[in-house]
Amino acid sequence: MRHESTSEPTACLGPLDDLLTGEGSLTFVEGDTQVRVGWLRAGGDGLVVTARVDEGVIGQTRFWCDTQQWCDWLAASLPVPSWDDLPPAWHASAASLTLATGGAGEMRDLTDLSGGMSNDAVRETRLDVCDTSMWPSATALSRERVETAWRVGMVLQREGRRLALTYLDGVHAWLRERCQRATPCDVPLDPAGWPERQCVLVAGWVALPATQCDDLHAGDAVLLDVAADIGRGEYWLVDGDHAVAMCDGLPSDRHVVQFDHTDTARWFAVVAERRFPIPLLMAWRSGVPVASHRQTAACALHAGRVTLWHARSPWASGRLLRFEDGRLAVHIDEKNGA
């Protein structure tokens, strides 16, 4: 169950973002339960599920879920109308049922869980528990409010019931191992799609000593250390500390650059800003071919006006100057706030 907010929910950066590299969602079967992993937009008042995990070393992980959905999930074995009606003495038992799955024992027809997958396909998604970390065992539940946001999570499905759990923190190797052997799916887990991240499309950049930055004024020109051929559809897509070389909306054969925080001040010649789905960005960062996403970064980029960015913020407006040898410079027309 989703809790809407008056503003667009953010995407909480976390250690599981790379699980959905170019994929809409991932599916596997744990015992008698189908598990789908993907991005979920949720938050508000609910229950935080704390679970114990044996990954060789005992650890802990936490998820958030909607209270009413949790009650519906356990209705067959714990028929209570609400969390508040559950006696405190039953809390520990209720927690233990939350993530419980049946044994992998006898194989049965799971097409009702798998959305039409064949039995052979379901068998392939079953995981050899000897080769993976143990499935988490919930030990505690607490009523808490979390910020409405996009987070990686999982949806458990069994006998027509479902429970959506968004990952908060804690150990996650058990989930990562299962996702590496899961079945990918183009369809996102959340009907709202995927979270997006704002990126800048740049003609290039230059690293300057911090002492030199204060000496730049209108009329000066800054020669770019790295430049793309905008006229031929080339540019760099900057996503955080990564720059992906692009051409006509798709990653080019040039390498991905990861910026070092120890570098001197970096200035970007920004041509445009645009939002992209995070699974698509993660695929571009890692060089994974993407077939499931049809959206590209293609857009009309003009080699004229640019904005010089510093410290992730616009600093000055200007225009590109091209030299015969292919190098680019930015002529500063006006500093912001000048």
Protein backbone atom coordinates (compact mmCIF):
# COMPACT_ATOMS: atom_id res chain seq x y z
CA MET A 1 0.00 0.00 0.00
CA ARG A 2 1.41 3.36 -1.02
CA HIS A 3 1.27 6.51 1.05
CA GLU A 4 1.12 9.58 -1.15
CA SER A 5 2.81 12.84 -0.22
CA THR A 6 2.22 16.35 -1.46
CA SER A 7 5.71 16.50 -2.98
CA GLU A 8 7.52 14.13 -5.31
CA PRO A 9 9.16 11.40 -3.18
CA THR A 10 12.93 11.29 -3.27
CA ALA A 11 15.03 8.22 -4.00
CA CYS A 12 16.99 7.20 -0.93
CA LEU A 13 20.48 6.19 -2.03
CA GLY A 14 21.43 2.86 -0.55
CA PRO A 15 23.66 -0.19 -0.86
CA LEU A 16 21.11 -2.10 -2.96
CA ASP A 17 20.69 0.40 -5.80
CA ASP A 18 22.82 -1.69 -8.16
CA LEU A 19 20.57 -4.75 -7.77
CA LEU A 20 18.28 -3.32 -10.45
CA THR A 21 20.95 -2.62 -13.05
CA GLY A 22 18.90 -2.17 -16.20
CA GLU A 23 16.07 -4.38 -14.92
CA GLY A 24 12.51 -3.56 -13.90
CA SER A 25 12.39 -6.18 -11.16
CA LEU A 26 13.76 -9.59 -10.15
CA THR A 27 11.81 -12.70 -9.17
CA PHE A 28 12.68 -15.84 -7.22
CA VAL A 29 10.88 -18.39 -5.07
CA GLU A 30 11.69 -18.90 -1.40
CA GLY A 31 9.94 -21.97 0.01
CA ASP A 32 6.24 -21.54 -0.84
CA THR A 33 6.56 -17.78 -1.34
CA GLN A 34 7.22 -15.84 -4.51
CA VAL A 35 9.56 -12.89 -3.96
CA ARG A 36 9.79 -9.93 -6.32
CA VAL A 37 12.58 -7.40 -5.74
CA GLY A 38 12.54 -3.87 -7.13
CA TRP A 39 11.99 -0.21 -6.40
CA LEU A 40 9.00 0.73 -4.21
CA ARG A 41 7.61 4.15 -3.41
CA ALA A 42 6.20 4.02 0.11
CA GLY A 43 6.35 5.54 3.57
CA GLY A 44 4.35 7.07 6.39
CA ASP A 45 3.02 5.38 9.51
CA GLY A 46 3.63 1.66 9.48
CA LEU A 47 5.58 -1.19 11.00
CA VAL A 48 9.33 -1.66 11.06
CA VAL A 49 10.25 -5.33 10.80
CA THR A 50 13.56 -6.24 12.45
CA ALA A 51 15.00 -9.58 11.37
CA ARG A 52 17.93 -11.79 12.29
CA VAL A 53 20.08 -13.10 9.43
CA ASP A 54 22.78 -15.76 9.45
CA GLU A 55 25.33 -14.86 6.77
CA GLY A 56 28.06 -16.88 8.42
CA VAL A 57 28.03 -14.13 11.02
CA ILE A 58 24.75 -13.26 12.71
CA GLY A 59 23.48 -9.89 11.53
CA GLN A 60 20.35 -7.79 11.49
CA THR A 61 18.25 -6.19 8.76
CA ARG A 62 15.22 -3.89 8.87
CA PHE A 63 12.25 -3.33 6.58
CA TRP A 64 9.19 -1.07 6.64
CA CYS A 65 5.68 -2.21 5.71
CA ASP A 66 2.13 -0.89 5.75
CA THR A 67 0.26 -1.87 8.93
CA GLN A 68 -3.02 -2.94 7.33
CA GLN A 69 -1.24 -4.89 4.61
CA TRP A 70 0.72 -6.69 7.32
CA CYS A 71 -2.55 -7.66 9.05
CA ASP A 72 -3.98 -8.94 5.77
CA TRP A 73 -0.77 -10.89 5.10
CA LEU A 74 -1.09 -12.81 8.39
CA ALA A 75 -4.89 -13.07 8.41
CA ALA A 76 -4.90 -16.84 7.79
CA SER A 77 -2.74 -17.60 10.83
CA LEU A 78 -3.25 -14.52 13.01
CA PRO A 79 -6.74 -13.06 12.42
CA VAL A 80 -6.60 -9.65 14.09
CA PRO A 81 -8.22 -6.54 12.56
CA SER A 82 -5.32 -4.21 13.40
CA TRP A 83 -1.91 -4.01 15.02
CA ASP A 84 -3.40 -2.13 17.97
CA ASP A 85 -5.73 -5.07 18.70
CA LEU A 86 -2.80 -7.48 18.99
CA PRO A 87 -1.94 -8.22 22.65
CA PRO A 88 1.69 -7.30 23.49
CA ALA A 89 2.33 -10.89 24.57
CA TRP A 90 1.70 -11.96 20.96
CA HIS A 91 4.10 -9.48 19.35
CA ALA A 92 7.07 -11.85 19.23
CA SER A 93 5.01 -14.65 17.69
CA ALA A 94 3.49 -12.25 15.17
CA ALA A 95 6.95 -11.05 14.20
CA SER A 96 8.18 -14.59 13.60
CA LEU A 97 5.32 -15.20 11.14
CA THR A 98 6.03 -12.10 9.05
CA LEU A 99 8.91 -13.46 6.95
CA ALA A 100 8.21 -17.17 7.47
CA THR A 101 8.23 -19.25 4.29
CA GLY A 102 7.35 -22.90 3.78
CA GLY A 103 10.14 -25.41 3.19
CA ALA A 104 11.48 -26.01 -0.28
CA GLY A 105 10.45 -29.72 0.02
CA GLU A 106 7.95 -31.04 -2.49
CA MET A 107 7.66 -29.10 -5.74
CA ARG A 108 4.11 -28.06 -6.53
CA ASP A 109 2.39 -26.02 -9.22
CA LEU A 110 3.25 -22.40 -8.45
CA THR A 111 1.69 -20.71 -11.45
CA ASP A 112 -0.69 -18.87 -9.12
CA LEU A 113 2.36 -17.28 -7.48
CA SER A 114 4.44 -16.72 -10.57
CA GLY A 115 2.04 -14.79 -12.74
CA GLY A 116 1.79 -17.53 -15.37
CA MET A 117 5.39 -18.80 -15.26
CA SER A 118 5.74 -22.45 -16.24
CA ASN A 119 6.68 -25.02 -13.62
CA ASP A 120 10.08 -25.42 -15.28
CA ALA A 121 10.69 -21.68 -15.06
CA VAL A 122 9.64 -21.66 -11.42
CA ARG A 123 11.99 -24.54 -10.67
CA GLU A 124 14.83 -22.60 -12.23
CA THR A 125 14.15 -19.63 -9.95
CA ARG A 126 14.21 -21.78 -6.83
CA LEU A 127 17.46 -21.31 -4.98
CA ASP A 128 19.69 -23.95 -3.52
CA VAL A 129 19.67 -22.95 0.14
CA CYS A 130 23.01 -24.68 0.64
CA ASP A 131 24.64 -22.12 -1.64
CA THR A 132 23.07 -19.01 -0.15
CA SER A 133 22.81 -17.23 3.17
CA MET A 134 19.86 -18.12 5.34
CA TRP A 135 16.54 -16.36 4.80
CA PRO A 136 15.94 -13.72 7.50
CA SER A 137 13.83 -14.52 10.53
CA ALA A 138 11.82 -11.59 11.91
CA THR A 139 12.34 -11.05 15.63
CA ALA A 140 10.57 -7.77 16.40
CA LEU A 141 7.93 -5.36 15.13
CA SER A 142 7.53 -1.71 16.07
CA ARG A 143 5.19 1.01 14.92
CA GLU A 144 7.24 3.75 13.28
CA ARG A 145 6.90 6.49 10.69
CA VAL A 146 9.37 6.72 7.82
CA GLU A 147 9.76 9.33 5.12
CA THR A 148 7.84 8.63 1.93
CA ALA A 149 10.56 7.82 -0.57
CA TRP A 150 11.72 5.45 -3.26
CA ARG A 151 13.64 2.52 -1.80
CA VAL A 152 14.67 -0.91 -2.98
CA GLY A 153 12.35 -3.49 -1.48
CA MET A 154 10.62 -6.79 -2.01
CA VAL A 155 7.05 -8.01 -2.34
CA LEU A 156 6.16 -11.40 -0.87
CA GLN A 157 3.26 -13.24 -2.53
CA ARG A 158 1.52 -16.37 -1.30
CA GLU A 159 -2.00 -17.77 -1.75
CA GLY A 160 -3.37 -14.52 -3.13
CA ARG A 161 -1.90 -12.35 -0.39
CA ARG A 162 1.01 -9.93 -0.67
CA LEU A 163 3.29 -7.97 1.63
CA ALA A 164 5.47 -5.11 0.38
CA LEU A 165 8.63 -4.52 2.42
CA THR A 166 10.99 -1.62 1.77
CA TYR A 167 14.61 -2.03 2.86
CA LEU A 168 15.78 0.42 5.53
CA ASP A 169 19.19 -0.79 6.70
CA GLY A 170 21.24 -3.74 7.87
CA VAL A 171 22.92 -6.74 6.27
CA HIS A 172 21.89 -7.58 2.73
CA ALA A 173 24.24 -10.26 1.34
CA TRP A 174 21.41 -12.80 1.71
CA LEU A 175 19.24 -10.78 -0.69
CA ARG A 176 22.05 -9.90 -3.06
CA GLU A 177 22.98 -13.59 -3.45
CA ARG A 178 19.41 -14.49 -4.33
CA CYS A 179 19.05 -11.61 -6.77
CA GLN A 180 22.17 -12.70 -8.64
CA ARG A 181 20.38 -15.94 -9.49
CA ALA A 182 16.86 -14.54 -9.86
CA THR A 183 14.78 -14.16 -13.01
CA PRO A 184 14.83 -10.61 -14.43
CA CYS A 185 11.63 -8.91 -15.52
CA ASP A 186 11.05 -5.76 -17.59
CA VAL A 187 8.02 -4.74 -15.53
CA PRO A 188 8.75 -2.48 -12.53
CA LEU A 189 7.67 -3.64 -9.10
CA ASP A 190 5.79 -0.41 -8.37
CA PRO A 191 2.97 0.65 -10.76
CA ALA A 192 4.43 4.17 -10.60
CA GLY A 193 7.51 2.92 -12.43
CA TRP A 194 11.05 3.72 -11.33
CA PRO A 195 12.66 6.54 -9.34
CA GLU A 196 14.55 9.08 -11.39
CA ARG A 197 17.68 11.08 -10.71
CA GLN A 198 18.50 14.52 -12.08
CA CYS A 199 21.63 14.52 -14.25
CA VAL A 200 23.45 17.12 -16.29
CA LEU A 201 24.52 16.73 -19.91
CA VAL A 202 27.84 18.46 -20.44
CA ALA A 203 30.13 19.38 -23.31
CA GLY A 204 33.13 18.75 -21.08
CA TRP A 205 34.89 19.86 -17.93
CA VAL A 206 38.05 21.37 -16.54
CA ALA A 207 39.83 20.99 -13.20
CA LEU A 208 41.20 24.24 -11.80
CA PRO A 209 43.08 25.06 -8.60
CA ALA A 210 40.73 26.55 -6.03
CA THR A 211 42.85 29.70 -5.89
CA GLN A 212 42.23 30.36 -9.57
CA CYS A 213 38.44 30.24 -9.34
CA ASP A 214 38.12 33.67 -7.72
CA ASP A 215 40.11 35.19 -10.57
CA LEU A 216 37.56 34.25 -13.25
CA HIS A 217 35.40 37.11 -14.53
CA ALA A 218 33.08 37.96 -17.40
CA GLY A 219 35.06 38.06 -20.63
CA ASP A 220 37.49 35.32 -19.57
CA ALA A 221 37.67 31.98 -21.36
CA VAL A 222 38.21 28.60 -19.72
CA LEU A 223 39.79 25.81 -21.79
CA LEU A 224 38.16 22.43 -21.13
CA ASP A 225 40.40 19.49 -20.22
CA VAL A 226 37.86 16.97 -21.56
CA ALA A 227 35.56 17.86 -24.45
CA ALA A 228 32.85 16.12 -26.50
CA ASP A 229 31.94 16.79 -30.11
CA ILE A 230 28.49 18.29 -29.55
CA GLY A 231 28.03 18.86 -33.28
CA ARG A 232 28.22 15.09 -33.87
CA GLY A 233 25.76 14.26 -31.09
CA GLU A 234 28.37 13.56 -28.44
CA TYR A 235 28.20 14.69 -24.82
CA TRP A 236 28.87 13.44 -21.30
CA LEU A 237 26.08 12.47 -18.91
CA VAL A 238 27.18 13.33 -15.36
CA ASP A 239 25.49 11.31 -12.62
CA GLY A 240 27.00 12.14 -9.25
CA ASP A 241 30.66 11.11 -9.34
CA HIS A 242 30.34 9.33 -12.70
CA ALA A 243 30.45 10.68 -16.25
CA VAL A 244 29.14 8.46 -19.05
CA ALA A 245 30.20 9.22 -22.62
CA MET A 246 27.07 9.44 -24.80
CA CYS A 247 26.35 9.75 -28.51
CA ASP A 248 22.87 10.31 -29.93
CA GLY A 249 21.23 9.29 -26.68
CA LEU A 250 23.11 6.05 -26.07
CA PRO A 251 26.40 5.19 -24.32
CA SER A 252 29.32 5.42 -26.71
CA ASP A 253 32.42 3.26 -26.90
CA ARG A 254 34.34 5.72 -24.74
CA HIS A 255 34.94 4.75 -21.15
CA VAL A 256 33.02 5.81 -18.04
CA VAL A 257 34.90 8.29 -15.86
CA GLN A 258 34.66 8.13 -12.07
CA PHE A 259 35.75 11.35 -10.45
CA ASP A 260 38.18 11.35 -7.56
CA HIS A 261 37.15 13.45 -4.56
CA THR A 262 40.79 14.48 -4.13
CA ASP A 263 40.81 16.27 -7.48
CA THR A 264 40.96 20.04 -7.63
CA ALA A 265 37.80 22.09 -8.21
CA ARG A 266 35.97 20.82 -11.28
CA TRP A 267 33.92 23.01 -13.62
CA PHE A 268 31.37 21.57 -16.03
CA ALA A 269 30.13 23.12 -19.28
CA VAL A 270 26.45 22.17 -18.86
CA VAL A 271 24.31 22.03 -21.97
CA ALA A 272 21.09 20.62 -20.45
CA GLU A 273 19.57 18.93 -17.41
CA ARG A 274 17.43 15.83 -17.50
CA ARG A 275 16.01 13.10 -15.26
CA PHE A 276 16.66 9.39 -15.91
CA PRO A 277 15.42 6.16 -14.28
CA ILE A 278 17.96 4.92 -11.75
CA PRO A 279 18.10 1.35 -13.17
CA LEU A 280 19.04 2.86 -16.53
CA LEU A 281 21.76 5.02 -14.96
CA MET A 282 23.18 2.06 -13.05
CA ALA A 283 23.36 0.06 -16.28
CA TRP A 284 25.11 2.88 -18.12
CA ARG A 285 27.59 3.30 -15.26
CA SER A 286 28.53 -0.37 -15.33
CA GLY A 287 28.49 -0.80 -19.09
CA VAL A 288 25.65 -3.34 -19.02
CA PRO A 289 23.64 -3.50 -22.27
CA VAL A 290 20.07 -2.34 -21.67
CA ALA A 291 17.23 -3.90 -23.62
CA SER A 292 14.36 -3.42 -21.20
CA HIS A 293 14.38 0.38 -21.17
CA ARG A 294 13.45 2.15 -24.37
CA GLN A 295 13.96 5.64 -23.01
CA THR A 296 17.19 7.24 -24.20
CA ALA A 297 19.03 10.41 -23.43
CA ALA A 298 18.51 11.76 -26.92
CA CYS A 299 17.65 15.43 -27.00
CA ALA A 300 18.46 18.49 -29.04
CA LEU A 301 21.78 19.82 -27.75
CA HIS A 302 22.95 23.13 -29.09
CA ALA A 303 26.64 23.93 -29.23
CA GLY A 304 26.04 27.56 -28.42
CA ARG A 305 24.90 28.62 -24.96
CA VAL A 306 26.16 26.73 -21.92
CA THR A 307 26.17 27.16 -18.17
CA LEU A 308 29.39 26.78 -16.23
CA TRP A 309 28.72 24.73 -13.10
CA HIS A 310 30.89 24.50 -10.02
CA ALA A 311 30.19 22.48 -6.85
CA ARG A 312 26.99 21.09 -8.46
CA SER A 313 25.51 24.57 -8.93
CA PRO A 314 25.31 27.06 -11.82
CA TRP A 315 28.11 29.62 -11.54
CA ALA A 316 28.15 31.54 -14.83
CA SER A 317 26.54 31.63 -18.27
CA GLY A 318 28.60 31.60 -21.44
CA ARG A 319 29.12 30.15 -24.88
CA LEU A 320 31.30 27.45 -26.35
CA LEU A 321 34.36 28.33 -28.40
CA ARG A 322 35.75 25.65 -30.71
CA PHE A 323 39.37 25.55 -31.84
CA GLU A 324 40.55 23.98 -35.10
CA ASP A 325 42.20 21.12 -33.25
CA GLY A 326 38.86 20.14 -31.67
CA ARG A 327 39.46 21.64 -28.25
CA LEU A 328 36.63 23.53 -26.54
CA ALA A 329 36.62 26.55 -24.26
CA VAL A 330 33.85 28.38 -22.43
CA HIS A 331 33.68 32.14 -22.87
CA ILE A 332 32.20 33.58 -19.67
CA ASP A 333 29.49 36.13 -20.48
CA GLU A 334 28.04 36.70 -17.03
CA LYS A 335 28.60 35.35 -13.54
CA ASN A 336 25.50 34.38 -11.58
CA GLY A 337 24.60 37.07 -9.09
CA ALA A 338 26.98 39.55 -10.68
